[in-house]
Amino acid sequence: METAVADVVATLEVLNHELNGKLPSETITTAPTLMSTDVAYALAEIVRMLRDYEARTGDGSGAEAAWMVDTAWVAVLAGDIDDVKEHLADERRAR
């Protein structure tokens, strides 16, 4: 699961720069970014499956994985996070 979650986070990093620019924190736009419902649905399903896994196993790995994907996704949606992986590390330390 760790490798799969790392792949999702890496993909979200690419999406972040595709949607929000090379340095999102320095990009100012007044136009809202349109997000494909396919992308939003895929992320929601990934998180749902991770939570289902957690409910079945109760070992904590599904909850942690769901938190990582949720946090990375919200960083992309925020539109001002330059490095999603760094943001995850910062958020983990703050927990």
N, C-alpha and C. Protein backbone atom coordinates (compact mmCIF):
# COMPACT_ATOMS: atom_id res chain seq x y z
N MET A 1 0.82 -1.18 0.00
CA MET A 1 0.00 0.00 0.00
C MET A 1 0.87 1.26 0.00
N GLU A 2 1.99 1.20 0.67
CA GLU A 2 2.87 2.37 0.75
C GLU A 2 3.31 2.85 -0.63
N THR A 3 3.66 1.91 -1.51
CA THR A 3 4.09 2.27 -2.86
C THR A 3 2.94 2.87 -3.65
N ALA A 4 1.77 2.29 -3.52
CA ALA A 4 0.60 2.80 -4.25
C ALA A 4 0.24 4.22 -3.80
N VAL A 5 0.28 4.46 -2.50
CA VAL A 5 -0.03 5.80 -1.99
C VAL A 5 1.04 6.79 -2.45
N ALA A 6 2.29 6.38 -2.44
CA ALA A 6 3.37 7.25 -2.93
C ALA A 6 3.14 7.61 -4.40
N ASP A 7 2.68 6.65 -5.18
CA ASP A 7 2.37 6.92 -6.59
C ASP A 7 1.22 7.92 -6.74
N VAL A 8 0.19 7.78 -5.92
CA VAL A 8 -0.94 8.71 -5.97
C VAL A 8 -0.45 10.12 -5.60
N VAL A 9 0.35 10.22 -4.55
CA VAL A 9 0.87 11.52 -4.12
C VAL A 9 1.74 12.13 -5.22
N ALA A 10 2.58 11.32 -5.85
CA ALA A 10 3.43 11.81 -6.94
C ALA A 10 2.58 12.30 -8.11
N THR A 11 1.51 11.60 -8.41
CA THR A 11 0.60 12.02 -9.47
C THR A 11 -0.09 13.33 -9.11
N LEU A 12 -0.47 13.47 -7.85
CA LEU A 12 -1.08 14.71 -7.40
C LEU A 12 -0.10 15.88 -7.46
N GLU A 13 1.17 15.60 -7.24
CA GLU A 13 2.20 16.63 -7.37
C GLU A 13 2.25 17.15 -8.81
N VAL A 14 2.21 16.22 -9.77
CA VAL A 14 2.21 16.61 -11.19
C VAL A 14 0.94 17.40 -11.50
N LEU A 15 -0.20 16.91 -11.05
CA LEU A 15 -1.47 17.60 -11.28
C LEU A 15 -1.44 19.00 -10.66
N ASN A 16 -0.87 19.11 -9.49
CA ASN A 16 -0.77 20.41 -8.83
C ASN A 16 -0.08 21.44 -9.72
N HIS A 17 1.04 21.06 -10.31
CA HIS A 17 1.77 22.00 -11.16
C HIS A 17 1.07 22.20 -12.51
N GLU A 18 0.40 21.19 -12.98
CA GLU A 18 -0.36 21.34 -14.22
C GLU A 18 -1.50 22.35 -14.05
N LEU A 19 -2.18 22.26 -12.92
CA LEU A 19 -3.32 23.15 -12.68
C LEU A 19 -2.93 24.52 -12.13
N ASN A 20 -1.91 24.53 -11.27
CA ASN A 20 -1.63 25.73 -10.49
C ASN A 20 -0.32 26.44 -10.83
N GLY A 21 0.43 25.90 -11.80
CA GLY A 21 1.66 26.54 -12.22
C GLY A 21 2.90 25.98 -11.53
N LYS A 22 4.05 26.40 -12.03
CA LYS A 22 5.32 25.90 -11.51
C LYS A 22 5.52 26.26 -10.04
N LEU A 23 5.17 27.48 -9.67
CA LEU A 23 5.21 27.92 -8.28
C LEU A 23 3.83 28.44 -7.89
N PRO A 24 2.95 27.53 -7.48
CA PRO A 24 1.57 27.92 -7.19
C PRO A 24 1.45 29.08 -6.19
N SER A 25 2.36 29.16 -5.22
CA SER A 25 2.26 30.22 -4.23
C SER A 25 2.52 31.61 -4.82
N GLU A 26 3.11 31.65 -6.00
CA GLU A 26 3.40 32.93 -6.65
C GLU A 26 2.44 33.23 -7.80
N THR A 27 1.49 32.35 -8.02
CA THR A 27 0.54 32.52 -9.11
C THR A 27 -0.74 33.17 -8.57
N ILE A 28 -1.12 34.25 -9.18
CA ILE A 28 -2.34 34.93 -8.78
C ILE A 28 -3.30 34.88 -9.96
N THR A 29 -4.47 34.34 -9.71
CA THR A 29 -5.48 34.28 -10.76
C THR A 29 -6.84 34.53 -10.14
N THR A 30 -7.68 35.17 -10.87
CA THR A 30 -9.04 35.40 -10.38
C THR A 30 -10.01 34.39 -10.99
N ALA A 31 -9.58 33.72 -12.02
CA ALA A 31 -10.45 32.74 -12.68
C ALA A 31 -10.38 31.41 -11.92
N PRO A 32 -11.53 30.84 -11.60
CA PRO A 32 -11.52 29.55 -10.91
C PRO A 32 -11.00 28.45 -11.85
N THR A 33 -10.28 27.50 -11.27
CA THR A 33 -9.79 26.36 -12.03
C THR A 33 -10.90 25.32 -12.11
N LEU A 34 -11.19 24.88 -13.31
CA LEU A 34 -12.20 23.84 -13.48
C LEU A 34 -11.52 22.48 -13.31
N MET A 35 -12.13 21.63 -12.50
CA MET A 35 -11.59 20.31 -12.22
C MET A 35 -12.49 19.26 -12.87
N SER A 36 -11.88 18.34 -13.54
CA SER A 36 -12.61 17.24 -14.15
C SER A 36 -13.32 16.43 -13.06
N THR A 37 -14.58 16.14 -13.29
CA THR A 37 -15.29 15.29 -12.33
C THR A 37 -14.70 13.89 -12.30
N ASP A 38 -14.08 13.46 -13.40
CA ASP A 38 -13.43 12.15 -13.42
C ASP A 38 -12.28 12.10 -12.40
N VAL A 39 -11.51 13.19 -12.34
CA VAL A 39 -10.39 13.25 -11.39
C VAL A 39 -10.93 13.27 -9.96
N ALA A 40 -11.91 14.13 -9.71
CA ALA A 40 -12.48 14.21 -8.37
C ALA A 40 -13.09 12.87 -7.94
N TYR A 41 -13.78 12.22 -8.85
CA TYR A 41 -14.37 10.92 -8.55
C TYR A 41 -13.29 9.88 -8.24
N ALA A 42 -12.24 9.85 -9.04
CA ALA A 42 -11.17 8.89 -8.82
C ALA A 42 -10.53 9.06 -7.45
N LEU A 43 -10.28 10.31 -7.06
CA LEU A 43 -9.68 10.56 -5.75
C LEU A 43 -10.63 10.17 -4.63
N ALA A 44 -11.90 10.48 -4.78
CA ALA A 44 -12.89 10.10 -3.77
C ALA A 44 -12.95 8.58 -3.62
N GLU A 45 -12.88 7.86 -4.73
CA GLU A 45 -12.92 6.40 -4.69
C GLU A 45 -11.66 5.82 -4.04
N ILE A 46 -10.51 6.39 -4.33
CA ILE A 46 -9.27 5.92 -3.70
C ILE A 46 -9.38 6.06 -2.19
N VAL A 47 -9.82 7.22 -1.74
CA VAL A 47 -9.94 7.45 -0.30
C VAL A 47 -10.99 6.52 0.31
N ARG A 48 -12.11 6.32 -0.40
CA ARG A 48 -13.14 5.41 0.10
C ARG A 48 -12.59 3.99 0.27
N MET A 49 -11.84 3.53 -0.72
CA MET A 49 -11.26 2.18 -0.64
C MET A 49 -10.27 2.07 0.52
N LEU A 50 -9.49 3.11 0.74
CA LEU A 50 -8.54 3.09 1.86
C LEU A 50 -9.28 3.06 3.20
N ARG A 51 -10.36 3.79 3.31
CA ARG A 51 -11.15 3.77 4.55
C ARG A 51 -11.84 2.42 4.74
N ASP A 52 -12.32 1.83 3.66
CA ASP A 52 -12.90 0.48 3.74
C ASP A 52 -11.86 -0.52 4.20
N TYR A 53 -10.65 -0.40 3.66
CA TYR A 53 -9.55 -1.28 4.08
C TYR A 53 -9.30 -1.12 5.58
N GLU A 54 -9.28 0.11 6.04
CA GLU A 54 -9.07 0.37 7.47
C GLU A 54 -10.18 -0.25 8.30
N ALA A 55 -11.41 -0.12 7.83
CA ALA A 55 -12.55 -0.69 8.57
C ALA A 55 -12.45 -2.21 8.67
N ARG A 56 -11.92 -2.84 7.62
CA ARG A 56 -11.77 -4.29 7.64
C ARG A 56 -10.60 -4.75 8.50
N THR A 57 -9.49 -4.03 8.44
CA THR A 57 -8.28 -4.50 9.12
C THR A 57 -8.05 -3.84 10.47
N GLY A 58 -8.38 -2.57 10.57
CA GLY A 58 -8.16 -1.85 11.82
C GLY A 58 -6.70 -1.71 12.21
N ASP A 59 -5.80 -1.88 11.23
CA ASP A 59 -4.37 -1.83 11.56
C ASP A 59 -3.75 -0.44 11.50
N GLY A 60 -4.55 0.55 11.11
CA GLY A 60 -4.06 1.92 11.07
C GLY A 60 -3.48 2.34 9.73
N SER A 61 -3.07 1.38 8.91
CA SER A 61 -2.42 1.74 7.65
C SER A 61 -3.40 2.36 6.66
N GLY A 62 -4.62 1.89 6.65
CA GLY A 62 -5.62 2.46 5.76
C GLY A 62 -5.99 3.87 6.16
N ALA A 63 -6.08 4.12 7.45
CA ALA A 63 -6.41 5.46 7.94
C ALA A 63 -5.28 6.43 7.60
N GLU A 64 -4.06 6.02 7.80
CA GLU A 64 -2.91 6.87 7.48
C GLU A 64 -2.83 7.13 5.98
N ALA A 65 -3.05 6.11 5.18
CA ALA A 65 -3.02 6.26 3.73
C ALA A 65 -4.13 7.19 3.26
N ALA A 66 -5.33 7.04 3.82
CA ALA A 66 -6.44 7.92 3.45
C ALA A 66 -6.12 9.37 3.83
N TRP A 67 -5.52 9.56 5.00
CA TRP A 67 -5.13 10.91 5.43
C TRP A 67 -4.13 11.52 4.44
N MET A 68 -3.17 10.72 4.00
CA MET A 68 -2.15 11.22 3.07
C MET A 68 -2.78 11.66 1.75
N VAL A 69 -3.63 10.81 1.19
CA VAL A 69 -4.26 11.13 -0.10
C VAL A 69 -5.18 12.33 0.06
N ASP A 70 -5.99 12.35 1.12
CA ASP A 70 -6.87 13.50 1.37
C ASP A 70 -6.07 14.80 1.50
N THR A 71 -5.00 14.76 2.26
CA THR A 71 -4.21 15.96 2.52
C THR A 71 -3.52 16.45 1.24
N ALA A 72 -3.01 15.52 0.44
CA ALA A 72 -2.38 15.88 -0.83
C ALA A 72 -3.42 16.46 -1.79
N TRP A 73 -4.59 15.87 -1.84
CA TRP A 73 -5.66 16.34 -2.73
C TRP A 73 -6.10 17.76 -2.34
N VAL A 74 -6.28 17.99 -1.05
CA VAL A 74 -6.67 19.32 -0.58
C VAL A 74 -5.59 20.35 -0.90
N ALA A 75 -4.33 19.94 -0.84
CA ALA A 75 -3.24 20.86 -1.20
C ALA A 75 -3.35 21.27 -2.67
N VAL A 76 -3.68 20.33 -3.52
CA VAL A 76 -3.87 20.65 -4.94
C VAL A 76 -5.04 21.61 -5.10
N LEU A 77 -6.14 21.33 -4.44
CA LEU A 77 -7.32 22.18 -4.53
C LEU A 77 -7.08 23.58 -3.96
N ALA A 78 -6.24 23.68 -2.95
CA ALA A 78 -5.93 24.98 -2.35
C ALA A 78 -5.30 25.91 -3.39
N GLY A 79 -4.49 25.34 -4.25
CA GLY A 79 -3.93 26.10 -5.36
C GLY A 79 -2.72 26.94 -5.04
N ASP A 80 -2.22 26.90 -3.80
CA ASP A 80 -1.07 27.73 -3.44
C ASP A 80 0.05 26.94 -2.76
N ILE A 81 0.03 25.64 -2.90
CA ILE A 81 1.07 24.78 -2.31
C ILE A 81 2.08 24.45 -3.40
N ASP A 82 3.35 24.80 -3.17
CA ASP A 82 4.39 24.58 -4.17
C ASP A 82 4.84 23.13 -4.24
N ASP A 83 4.91 22.45 -3.09
CA ASP A 83 5.44 21.09 -3.04
C ASP A 83 4.51 20.24 -2.18
N VAL A 84 3.77 19.36 -2.81
CA VAL A 84 2.77 18.55 -2.11
C VAL A 84 3.44 17.62 -1.11
N LYS A 85 4.55 17.00 -1.47
CA LYS A 85 5.23 16.07 -0.55
C LYS A 85 5.76 16.81 0.68
N GLU A 86 6.30 17.98 0.47
CA GLU A 86 6.77 18.79 1.60
C GLU A 86 5.60 19.20 2.48
N HIS A 87 4.50 19.56 1.85
CA HIS A 87 3.29 19.92 2.59
C HIS A 87 2.82 18.74 3.45
N LEU A 88 2.84 17.54 2.90
CA LEU A 88 2.47 16.36 3.69
C LEU A 88 3.38 16.18 4.90
N ALA A 89 4.68 16.34 4.69
CA ALA A 89 5.63 16.19 5.79
C ALA A 89 5.36 17.25 6.87
N ASP A 90 5.11 18.48 6.45
CA ASP A 90 4.81 19.55 7.41
C ASP A 90 3.53 19.23 8.19
N GLU A 91 2.51 18.81 7.49
CA GLU A 91 1.24 18.49 8.13
C GLU A 91 1.38 17.30 9.08
N ARG A 92 2.18 16.32 8.71
CA ARG A 92 2.40 15.16 9.58
C ARG A 92 3.08 15.59 10.88
N ARG A 93 4.08 16.47 10.77
CA ARG A 93 4.77 16.95 11.97
C ARG A 93 3.81 17.73 12.87
N ALA A 94 2.86 18.43 12.27
CA ALA A 94 1.91 19.25 13.04
C ALA A 94 0.83 18.41 13.73
N ARG A 95 0.69 17.17 13.35
CA ARG A 95 -0.36 16.31 13.92
C ARG A 95 -0.06 15.94 15.35
